[in-house]
Amino acid sequence: MSGIDPQTLTDLLRTLERSGDLRTLARECGLSVRELRRRLAIWRRELQAEHEPDELEADTGLPVEPSPPPQPEPAEEEAPRPVGDGGAGKWPELPAAAALERSPLPVRGRGVLEIYTDGASRGNPGPAAIGILFRRKGGEDLAEHHEAIGRATNNVAEYKAVVTALEICQRWGVKRVHLKMDSELIVKQLLGIYRVKSPELRPLYQQVVFISRGMAEFQVTHVRREQNAHADALANLALDA
């Protein structure tokens, strides 16, 4: 760093942004120089806003949204939501993803797999289950997955749904995934906007990061609950079984 002696973590980030070694660092992180520079700037602004120079969240390897205005972080557990049948009867039955040996995406073309995931817990913690819908981006529904996961909180169920979905994609060899879910907390954790403080959630978060880094394209988007109704219905179907 050419004789510069950064005294704080903010100074270090600012120095890294200007460093001639940024290309090497970006390559080691699996990012472009432009993306790494943007993330460093976001982290520096967050550190300055929070006045917390003692902690920097590890790089997620996921696309990061522009830093929002300073806002209080929510509790690690989102408020329990009503759990019902999710309108399970109105959805057509799809092939079980676990039974498919190959990707259901068309062989030709640049296929992007859209995944809708949801987790449900009756009791928070209590009996829990996950629901996953696999869809061709801009096209038809392809496959589904639902299973009970024992006793868990809402957030653990949400994360386990994502991990299970990515493990299925990994088995299929799918490299381009757009993940959609209605848990704002977990979406913002995956985007690096919120830290993952819970020791119960951190291993699941790290699994998502590890698997997603092996993909050519991985996007995470928050959707309204009604847009995620099919995955919710699948999770409740597993709870009711």
C-alpha atoms as a PDB file:
ATOM      1  CA  MET A   1       0.000   0.000   0.000  1.00  0.00           C
ATOM      2  CA  SER A   2       2.930   2.299  -0.775  1.00  0.00           C
ATOM      3  CA  GLY A   3       3.882   3.409   2.724  1.00  0.00           C
ATOM      4  CA  ILE A   4       0.330   4.358   3.821  1.00  0.00           C
ATOM      5  CA  ASP A   5      -0.391   3.264   7.382  1.00  0.00           C
ATOM      6  CA  PRO A   6      -4.188   3.030   7.830  1.00  0.00           C
ATOM      7  CA  GLN A   7      -5.174   3.646  11.446  1.00  0.00           C
ATOM      8  CA  THR A   8      -8.817   2.496  11.264  1.00  0.00           C
ATOM      9  CA  LEU A   9     -10.849  -0.022   9.292  1.00  0.00           C
ATOM     10  CA  THR A  10     -12.421   2.854   7.366  1.00  0.00           C
ATOM     11  CA  ASP A  11      -8.918   4.072   6.420  1.00  0.00           C
ATOM     12  CA  LEU A  12      -8.044   0.538   5.329  1.00  0.00           C
ATOM     13  CA  LEU A  13     -11.092   0.268   3.084  1.00  0.00           C
ATOM     14  CA  ARG A  14     -10.381   3.670   1.540  1.00  0.00           C
ATOM     15  CA  THR A  15      -6.773   2.598   0.902  1.00  0.00           C
ATOM     16  CA  LEU A  16      -7.888  -0.685  -0.671  1.00  0.00           C
ATOM     17  CA  GLU A  17     -10.206   1.239  -3.014  1.00  0.00           C
ATOM     18  CA  ARG A  18      -7.195   3.188  -4.305  1.00  0.00           C
ATOM     19  CA  SER A  19      -4.751   0.301  -4.233  1.00  0.00           C
ATOM     20  CA  GLY A  20      -2.945  -0.849  -7.349  1.00  0.00           C
ATOM     21  CA  ASP A  21      -3.322  -4.413  -6.019  1.00  0.00           C
ATOM     22  CA  LEU A  22      -7.109  -4.284  -6.275  1.00  0.00           C
ATOM     23  CA  ARG A  23      -7.081  -6.457  -9.396  1.00  0.00           C
ATOM     24  CA  THR A  24      -5.267  -9.255  -7.553  1.00  0.00           C
ATOM     25  CA  LEU A  25      -7.609  -8.981  -4.576  1.00  0.00           C
ATOM     26  CA  ALA A  26     -10.664  -8.998  -6.851  1.00  0.00           C
ATOM     27  CA  ARG A  27      -9.423 -12.098  -8.653  1.00  0.00           C
ATOM     28  CA  GLU A  28      -8.926 -13.907  -5.331  1.00  0.00           C
ATOM     29  CA  CYS A  29     -12.491 -12.967  -4.295  1.00  0.00           C
ATOM     30  CA  GLY A  30     -13.953 -14.048  -7.639  1.00  0.00           C
ATOM     31  CA  LEU A  31     -15.184 -10.528  -8.411  1.00  0.00           C
ATOM     32  CA  SER A  32     -14.567  -7.877 -11.018  1.00  0.00           C
ATOM     33  CA  VAL A  33     -12.459  -4.876  -9.976  1.00  0.00           C
ATOM     34  CA  ARG A  34     -15.452  -2.606 -10.462  1.00  0.00           C
ATOM     35  CA  GLU A  35     -17.692  -4.771  -8.258  1.00  0.00           C
ATOM     36  CA  LEU A  36     -15.054  -5.052  -5.525  1.00  0.00           C
ATOM     37  CA  ARG A  37     -14.478  -1.292  -5.563  1.00  0.00           C
ATOM     38  CA  ARG A  38     -18.225  -0.706  -5.262  1.00  0.00           C
ATOM     39  CA  ARG A  39     -18.542  -3.069  -2.306  1.00  0.00           C
ATOM     40  CA  LEU A  40     -15.594  -1.518  -0.505  1.00  0.00           C
ATOM     41  CA  ALA A  41     -17.190   1.901  -0.885  1.00  0.00           C
ATOM     42  CA  ILE A  42     -20.529   0.609   0.444  1.00  0.00           C
ATOM     43  CA  TRP A  43     -18.866  -0.994   3.467  1.00  0.00           C
ATOM     44  CA  ARG A  44     -16.878   2.153   4.201  1.00  0.00           C
ATOM     45  CA  ARG A  45     -20.035   4.277   4.157  1.00  0.00           C
ATOM     46  CA  GLU A  46     -21.824   1.814   6.426  1.00  0.00           C
ATOM     47  CA  LEU A  47     -18.925   1.811   8.865  1.00  0.00           C
ATOM     48  CA  GLN A  48     -18.864   5.598   8.957  1.00  0.00           C
ATOM     49  CA  ALA A  49     -22.625   5.707   9.528  1.00  0.00           C
ATOM     50  CA  GLU A  50     -22.593   3.108  12.284  1.00  0.00           C
ATOM     51  CA  HIS A  51     -19.360   4.215  13.997  1.00  0.00           C
ATOM     52  CA  GLU A  52     -18.458   0.561  14.392  1.00  0.00           C
ATOM     53  CA  PRO A  53     -14.865   0.185  13.120  1.00  0.00           C
ATOM     54  CA  ASP A  54     -14.438  -3.167  14.854  1.00  0.00           C
ATOM     55  CA  GLU A  55     -16.405  -5.468  12.589  1.00  0.00           C
ATOM     56  CA  LEU A  56     -16.699  -6.014   8.841  1.00  0.00           C
ATOM     57  CA  GLU A  57     -18.981  -8.673   7.445  1.00  0.00           C
ATOM     58  CA  ALA A  58     -17.305 -11.246   5.220  1.00  0.00           C
ATOM     59  CA  ASP A  59     -17.784 -10.911   1.459  1.00  0.00           C
ATOM     60  CA  THR A  60     -20.939 -12.777   0.430  1.00  0.00           C
ATOM     61  CA  GLY A  61     -20.070 -13.136  -3.245  1.00  0.00           C
ATOM     62  CA  LEU A  62     -23.650 -12.074  -4.094  1.00  0.00           C
ATOM     63  CA  PRO A  63     -24.922  -9.031  -6.004  1.00  0.00           C
ATOM     64  CA  VAL A  64     -25.281  -6.156  -3.526  1.00  0.00           C
ATOM     65  CA  GLU A  65     -27.984  -3.512  -3.731  1.00  0.00           C
ATOM     66  CA  PRO A  66     -27.071   0.157  -3.242  1.00  0.00           C
ATOM     67  CA  SER A  67     -26.608   0.936   0.440  1.00  0.00           C
ATOM     68  CA  PRO A  68     -29.905   2.107   1.983  1.00  0.00           C
ATOM     69  CA  PRO A  69     -30.195   5.092   4.327  1.00  0.00           C
ATOM     70  CA  PRO A  70     -29.140   4.254   7.904  1.00  0.00           C
ATOM     71  CA  GLN A  71     -31.850   2.191   9.541  1.00  0.00           C
ATOM     72  CA  PRO A  72     -32.088   0.034  12.651  1.00  0.00           C
ATOM     73  CA  GLU A  73     -31.471  -3.643  12.055  1.00  0.00           C
ATOM     74  CA  PRO A  74     -34.483  -5.848  12.805  1.00  0.00           C
ATOM     75  CA  ALA A  75     -34.487  -8.611  15.350  1.00  0.00           C
ATOM     76  CA  GLU A  76     -32.968 -11.863  14.109  1.00  0.00           C
ATOM     77  CA  GLU A  77     -36.418 -13.452  14.273  1.00  0.00           C
ATOM     78  CA  GLU A  78     -39.160 -12.022  12.092  1.00  0.00           C
ATOM     79  CA  ALA A  79     -42.623 -11.925  13.629  1.00  0.00           C
ATOM     80  CA  PRO A  80     -44.513 -15.219  13.209  1.00  0.00           C
ATOM     81  CA  ARG A  81     -47.053 -15.105  10.407  1.00  0.00           C
ATOM     82  CA  PRO A  82     -50.329 -16.984  10.104  1.00  0.00           C
ATOM     83  CA  VAL A  83     -49.849 -20.541   8.902  1.00  0.00           C
ATOM     84  CA  GLY A  84     -52.653 -22.155   6.919  1.00  0.00           C
ATOM     85  CA  ASP A  85     -53.070 -24.403   3.935  1.00  0.00           C
ATOM     86  CA  GLY A  86     -51.733 -21.669   1.614  1.00  0.00           C
ATOM     87  CA  GLY A  87     -54.408 -22.499  -0.949  1.00  0.00           C
ATOM     88  CA  ALA A  88     -52.626 -25.759  -1.759  1.00  0.00           C
ATOM     89  CA  GLY A  89     -55.598 -27.101  -3.693  1.00  0.00           C
ATOM     90  CA  LYS A  90     -55.450 -24.464  -6.419  1.00  0.00           C
ATOM     91  CA  TRP A  91     -51.945 -25.315  -7.668  1.00  0.00           C
ATOM     92  CA  PRO A  92     -51.334 -27.979 -10.335  1.00  0.00           C
ATOM     93  CA  GLU A  93     -49.178 -30.886  -9.233  1.00  0.00           C
ATOM     94  CA  LEU A  94     -45.646 -30.702 -10.627  1.00  0.00           C
ATOM     95  CA  PRO A  95     -42.840 -33.277 -10.893  1.00  0.00           C
ATOM     96  CA  ALA A  96     -40.963 -33.808  -7.633  1.00  0.00           C
ATOM     97  CA  ALA A  97     -37.573 -32.129  -7.959  1.00  0.00           C
ATOM     98  CA  ALA A  98     -35.870 -34.804  -5.853  1.00  0.00           C
ATOM     99  CA  ALA A  99     -36.936 -37.466  -8.360  1.00  0.00           C
ATOM    100  CA  LEU A 100     -35.511 -35.656 -11.402  1.00  0.00           C
ATOM    101  CA  GLU A 101     -32.001 -36.776 -12.319  1.00  0.00           C
ATOM    102  CA  ARG A 102     -31.475 -33.939 -14.804  1.00  0.00           C
ATOM    103  CA  SER A 103     -32.298 -30.284 -14.944  1.00  0.00           C
ATOM    104  CA  PRO A 104     -35.854 -29.638 -16.190  1.00  0.00           C
ATOM    105  CA  LEU A 105     -34.626 -26.574 -18.092  1.00  0.00           C
ATOM    106  CA  PRO A 106     -34.564 -26.776 -21.902  1.00  0.00           C
ATOM    107  CA  VAL A 107     -31.286 -28.158 -23.235  1.00  0.00           C
ATOM    108  CA  ARG A 108     -30.763 -25.314 -25.695  1.00  0.00           C
ATOM    109  CA  GLY A 109     -30.485 -21.643 -24.892  1.00  0.00           C
ATOM    110  CA  ARG A 110     -29.249 -19.677 -21.931  1.00  0.00           C
ATOM    111  CA  GLY A 111     -31.506 -21.169 -19.289  1.00  0.00           C
ATOM    112  CA  VAL A 112     -32.086 -19.295 -16.039  1.00  0.00           C
ATOM    113  CA  LEU A 113     -33.844 -21.165 -13.270  1.00  0.00           C
ATOM    114  CA  GLU A 114     -36.149 -19.075 -11.104  1.00  0.00           C
ATOM    115  CA  ILE A 115     -36.613 -20.462  -7.615  1.00  0.00           C
ATOM    116  CA  TYR A 116     -39.290 -19.441  -5.135  1.00  0.00           C
ATOM    117  CA  THR A 117     -38.638 -20.665  -1.592  1.00  0.00           C
ATOM    118  CA  ASP A 118     -40.528 -20.477   1.683  1.00  0.00           C
ATOM    119  CA  GLY A 119     -40.276 -21.854   5.196  1.00  0.00           C
ATOM    120  CA  ALA A 120     -43.074 -22.326   7.715  1.00  0.00           C
ATOM    121  CA  SER A 121     -43.042 -22.970  11.455  1.00  0.00           C
ATOM    122  CA  ARG A 122     -46.050 -23.627  13.670  1.00  0.00           C
ATOM    123  CA  GLY A 123     -44.933 -22.326  17.029  1.00  0.00           C
ATOM    124  CA  ASN A 124     -41.703 -20.516  16.069  1.00  0.00           C
ATOM    125  CA  PRO A 125     -39.983 -22.716  17.112  1.00  0.00           C
ATOM    126  CA  GLY A 126     -42.259 -25.619  16.383  1.00  0.00           C
ATOM    127  CA  PRO A 127     -43.001 -28.170  13.645  1.00  0.00           C
ATOM    128  CA  ALA A 128     -41.458 -26.720  10.488  1.00  0.00           C
ATOM    129  CA  ALA A 129     -41.343 -27.392   6.763  1.00  0.00           C
ATOM    130  CA  ILE A 130     -40.020 -25.961   3.509  1.00  0.00           C
ATOM    131  CA  GLY A 131     -41.545 -25.377   0.077  1.00  0.00           C
ATOM    132  CA  ILE A 132     -39.691 -24.763  -3.205  1.00  0.00           C
ATOM    133  CA  LEU A 133     -40.995 -23.949  -6.681  1.00  0.00           C
ATOM    134  CA  PHE A 134     -38.681 -24.252  -9.709  1.00  0.00           C
ATOM    135  CA  ARG A 135     -39.642 -22.194 -12.749  1.00  0.00           C
ATOM    136  CA  ARG A 136     -38.050 -21.385 -16.103  1.00  0.00           C
ATOM    137  CA  LYS A 137     -37.406 -17.644 -16.087  1.00  0.00           C
ATOM    138  CA  GLY A 138     -40.122 -16.002 -18.121  1.00  0.00           C
ATOM    139  CA  GLY A 139     -41.783 -19.368 -18.638  1.00  0.00           C
ATOM    140  CA  GLU A 140     -43.577 -22.296 -17.069  1.00  0.00           C
ATOM    141  CA  ASP A 141     -43.368 -23.979 -13.676  1.00  0.00           C
ATOM    142  CA  LEU A 142     -41.056 -26.998 -13.899  1.00  0.00           C
ATOM    143  CA  ALA A 143     -40.833 -28.834 -10.584  1.00  0.00           C
ATOM    144  CA  GLU A 144     -41.526 -28.576  -6.858  1.00  0.00           C
ATOM    145  CA  HIS A 145     -40.184 -29.758  -3.534  1.00  0.00           C
ATOM    146  CA  HIS A 146     -41.688 -29.837  -0.054  1.00  0.00           C
ATOM    147  CA  GLU A 147     -40.643 -31.590   3.119  1.00  0.00           C
ATOM    148  CA  ALA A 148     -40.965 -31.406   6.892  1.00  0.00           C
ATOM    149  CA  ILE A 149     -37.682 -30.541   8.629  1.00  0.00           C
ATOM    150  CA  GLY A 150     -38.570 -31.240  12.262  1.00  0.00           C
ATOM    151  CA  ARG A 151     -38.662 -28.526  14.915  1.00  0.00           C
ATOM    152  CA  ALA A 152     -37.288 -25.129  13.853  1.00  0.00           C
ATOM    153  CA  THR A 153     -37.910 -21.380  13.820  1.00  0.00           C
ATOM    154  CA  ASN A 154     -39.310 -19.475  10.848  1.00  0.00           C
ATOM    155  CA  ASN A 155     -35.887 -18.139   9.881  1.00  0.00           C
ATOM    156  CA  VAL A 156     -34.155 -21.513  10.087  1.00  0.00           C
ATOM    157  CA  ALA A 157     -36.883 -22.960   7.862  1.00  0.00           C
ATOM    158  CA  GLU A 158     -36.439 -20.078   5.384  1.00  0.00           C
ATOM    159  CA  TYR A 159     -32.686 -20.694   5.180  1.00  0.00           C
ATOM    160  CA  LYS A 160     -33.057 -24.472   4.902  1.00  0.00           C
ATOM    161  CA  ALA A 161     -35.416 -23.968   1.967  1.00  0.00           C
ATOM    162  CA  VAL A 162     -32.738 -21.929   0.172  1.00  0.00           C
ATOM    163  CA  VAL A 163     -29.965 -24.427   0.980  1.00  0.00           C
ATOM    164  CA  THR A 164     -32.081 -27.359  -0.222  1.00  0.00           C
ATOM    165  CA  ALA A 165     -32.997 -25.534  -3.435  1.00  0.00           C
ATOM    166  CA  LEU A 166     -29.354 -24.738  -4.207  1.00  0.00           C
ATOM    167  CA  GLU A 167     -28.272 -28.303  -3.448  1.00  0.00           C
ATOM    168  CA  ILE A 168     -30.843 -29.556  -5.969  1.00  0.00           C
ATOM    169  CA  CYS A 169     -29.544 -27.038  -8.529  1.00  0.00           C
ATOM    170  CA  GLN A 170     -26.002 -28.201  -7.798  1.00  0.00           C
ATOM    171  CA  ARG A 171     -27.023 -31.805  -8.491  1.00  0.00           C
ATOM    172  CA  TRP A 172     -28.685 -30.764 -11.738  1.00  0.00           C
ATOM    173  CA  GLY A 173     -25.649 -28.755 -12.823  1.00  0.00           C
ATOM    174  CA  VAL A 174     -27.670 -25.523 -13.067  1.00  0.00           C
ATOM    175  CA  LYS A 175     -25.349 -22.506 -13.108  1.00  0.00           C
ATOM    176  CA  ARG A 176     -27.765 -19.569 -13.418  1.00  0.00           C
ATOM    177  CA  VAL A 177     -30.257 -19.080 -10.610  1.00  0.00           C
ATOM    178  CA  HIS A 178     -32.577 -16.237  -9.622  1.00  0.00           C
ATOM    179  CA  LEU A 179     -33.813 -16.763  -6.063  1.00  0.00           C
ATOM    180  CA  LYS A 180     -37.024 -15.100  -4.915  1.00  0.00           C
ATOM    181  CA  MET A 181     -38.369 -15.137  -1.356  1.00  0.00           C
ATOM    182  CA  ASP A 182     -40.628 -13.060   0.882  1.00  0.00           C
ATOM    183  CA  SER A 183     -38.368 -12.938   3.961  1.00  0.00           C
ATOM    184  CA  GLU A 184     -36.935  -9.404   3.824  1.00  0.00           C
ATOM    185  CA  LEU A 185     -34.545 -10.132   6.692  1.00  0.00           C
ATOM    186  CA  ILE A 186     -32.908 -13.105   4.997  1.00  0.00           C
ATOM    187  CA  VAL A 187     -32.780 -11.426   1.589  1.00  0.00           C
ATOM    188  CA  LYS A 188     -30.914  -8.484   3.126  1.00  0.00           C
ATOM    189  CA  GLN A 189     -28.580 -10.842   4.966  1.00  0.00           C
ATOM    190  CA  LEU A 190     -27.761 -12.659   1.728  1.00  0.00           C
ATOM    191  CA  LEU A 191     -27.151  -9.332  -0.003  1.00  0.00           C
ATOM    192  CA  GLY A 192     -24.756  -8.243   2.738  1.00  0.00           C
ATOM    193  CA  ILE A 193     -26.975  -5.382   3.932  1.00  0.00           C
ATOM    194  CA  TYR A 194     -27.550  -6.956   7.358  1.00  0.00           C
ATOM    195  CA  ARG A 195     -25.066  -8.979   9.383  1.00  0.00           C
ATOM    196  CA  VAL A 196     -25.919 -12.552  10.420  1.00  0.00           C
ATOM    197  CA  LYS A 197     -25.485 -12.525  14.172  1.00  0.00           C
ATOM    198  CA  SER A 198     -27.468 -15.630  15.122  1.00  0.00           C
ATOM    199  CA  PRO A 199     -25.243 -18.712  15.693  1.00  0.00           C
ATOM    200  CA  GLU A 200     -28.208 -20.784  14.537  1.00  0.00           C
ATOM    201  CA  LEU A 201     -28.461 -19.019  11.177  1.00  0.00           C
ATOM    202  CA  ARG A 202     -24.798 -18.367  10.363  1.00  0.00           C
ATOM    203  CA  PRO A 203     -23.894 -21.956   9.265  1.00  0.00           C
ATOM    204  CA  LEU A 204     -26.910 -21.983   6.921  1.00  0.00           C
ATOM    205  CA  TYR A 205     -25.981 -18.556   5.551  1.00  0.00           C
ATOM    206  CA  GLN A 206     -22.432 -19.792   4.916  1.00  0.00           C
ATOM    207  CA  GLN A 207     -23.779 -22.822   3.030  1.00  0.00           C
ATOM    208  CA  VAL A 208     -25.751 -20.526   0.731  1.00  0.00           C
ATOM    209  CA  VAL A 209     -22.673 -18.381   0.105  1.00  0.00           C
ATOM    210  CA  PHE A 210     -20.460 -21.411  -0.568  1.00  0.00           C
ATOM    211  CA  ILE A 211     -22.821 -23.055  -3.070  1.00  0.00           C
ATOM    212  CA  SER A 212     -23.717 -19.791  -4.841  1.00  0.00           C
ATOM    213  CA  ARG A 213     -20.054 -18.951  -5.448  1.00  0.00           C
ATOM    214  CA  GLY A 214     -19.856 -21.974  -7.743  1.00  0.00           C
ATOM    215  CA  MET A 215     -22.550 -20.541  -9.995  1.00  0.00           C
ATOM    216  CA  ALA A 216     -22.111 -18.319 -13.011  1.00  0.00           C
ATOM    217  CA  GLU A 217     -25.098 -16.188 -12.052  1.00  0.00           C
ATOM    218  CA  PHE A 218     -26.923 -15.908  -8.735  1.00  0.00           C
ATOM    219  CA  GLN A 219     -29.434 -13.186  -7.881  1.00  0.00           C
ATOM    220  CA  VAL A 220     -31.555 -12.758  -4.770  1.00  0.00           C
ATOM    221  CA  THR A 221     -34.783 -10.736  -4.847  1.00  0.00           C
ATOM    222  CA  HIS A 222     -37.403  -9.944  -2.234  1.00  0.00           C
ATOM    223  CA  VAL A 223     -40.998 -10.483  -3.389  1.00  0.00           C
ATOM    224  CA  ARG A 224     -44.343  -9.788  -1.773  1.00  0.00           C
ATOM    225  CA  ARG A 225     -45.967 -12.652   0.108  1.00  0.00           C
ATOM    226  CA  GLU A 226     -48.731 -13.042  -2.469  1.00  0.00           C
ATOM    227  CA  GLN A 227     -46.093 -13.506  -5.179  1.00  0.00           C
ATOM    228  CA  ASN A 228     -44.672 -16.395  -3.165  1.00  0.00           C
ATOM    229  CA  ALA A 229     -48.004 -18.096  -2.495  1.00  0.00           C
ATOM    230  CA  HIS A 230     -47.142 -21.314  -4.357  1.00  0.00           C
ATOM    231  CA  ALA A 231     -44.004 -21.981  -2.301  1.00  0.00           C
ATOM    232  CA  ASP A 232     -45.965 -21.129   0.862  1.00  0.00           C
ATOM    233  CA  ALA A 233     -48.635 -23.650  -0.127  1.00  0.00           C
ATOM    234  CA  LEU A 234     -45.971 -26.323  -0.620  1.00  0.00           C
ATOM    235  CA  ALA A 235     -44.473 -25.694   2.825  1.00  0.00           C
ATOM    236  CA  ASN A 236     -47.897 -25.972   4.443  1.00  0.00           C
ATOM    237  CA  LEU A 237     -48.644 -29.101   2.452  1.00  0.00           C
ATOM    238  CA  ALA A 238     -45.618 -30.733   4.092  1.00  0.00           C
ATOM    239  CA  LEU A 239     -46.762 -29.564   7.532  1.00  0.00           C
ATOM    240  CA  ASP A 240     -50.223 -30.998   7.008  1.00  0.00           C
ATOM    241  CA  ALA A 241     -48.985 -34.385   5.747  1.00  0.00           C
END
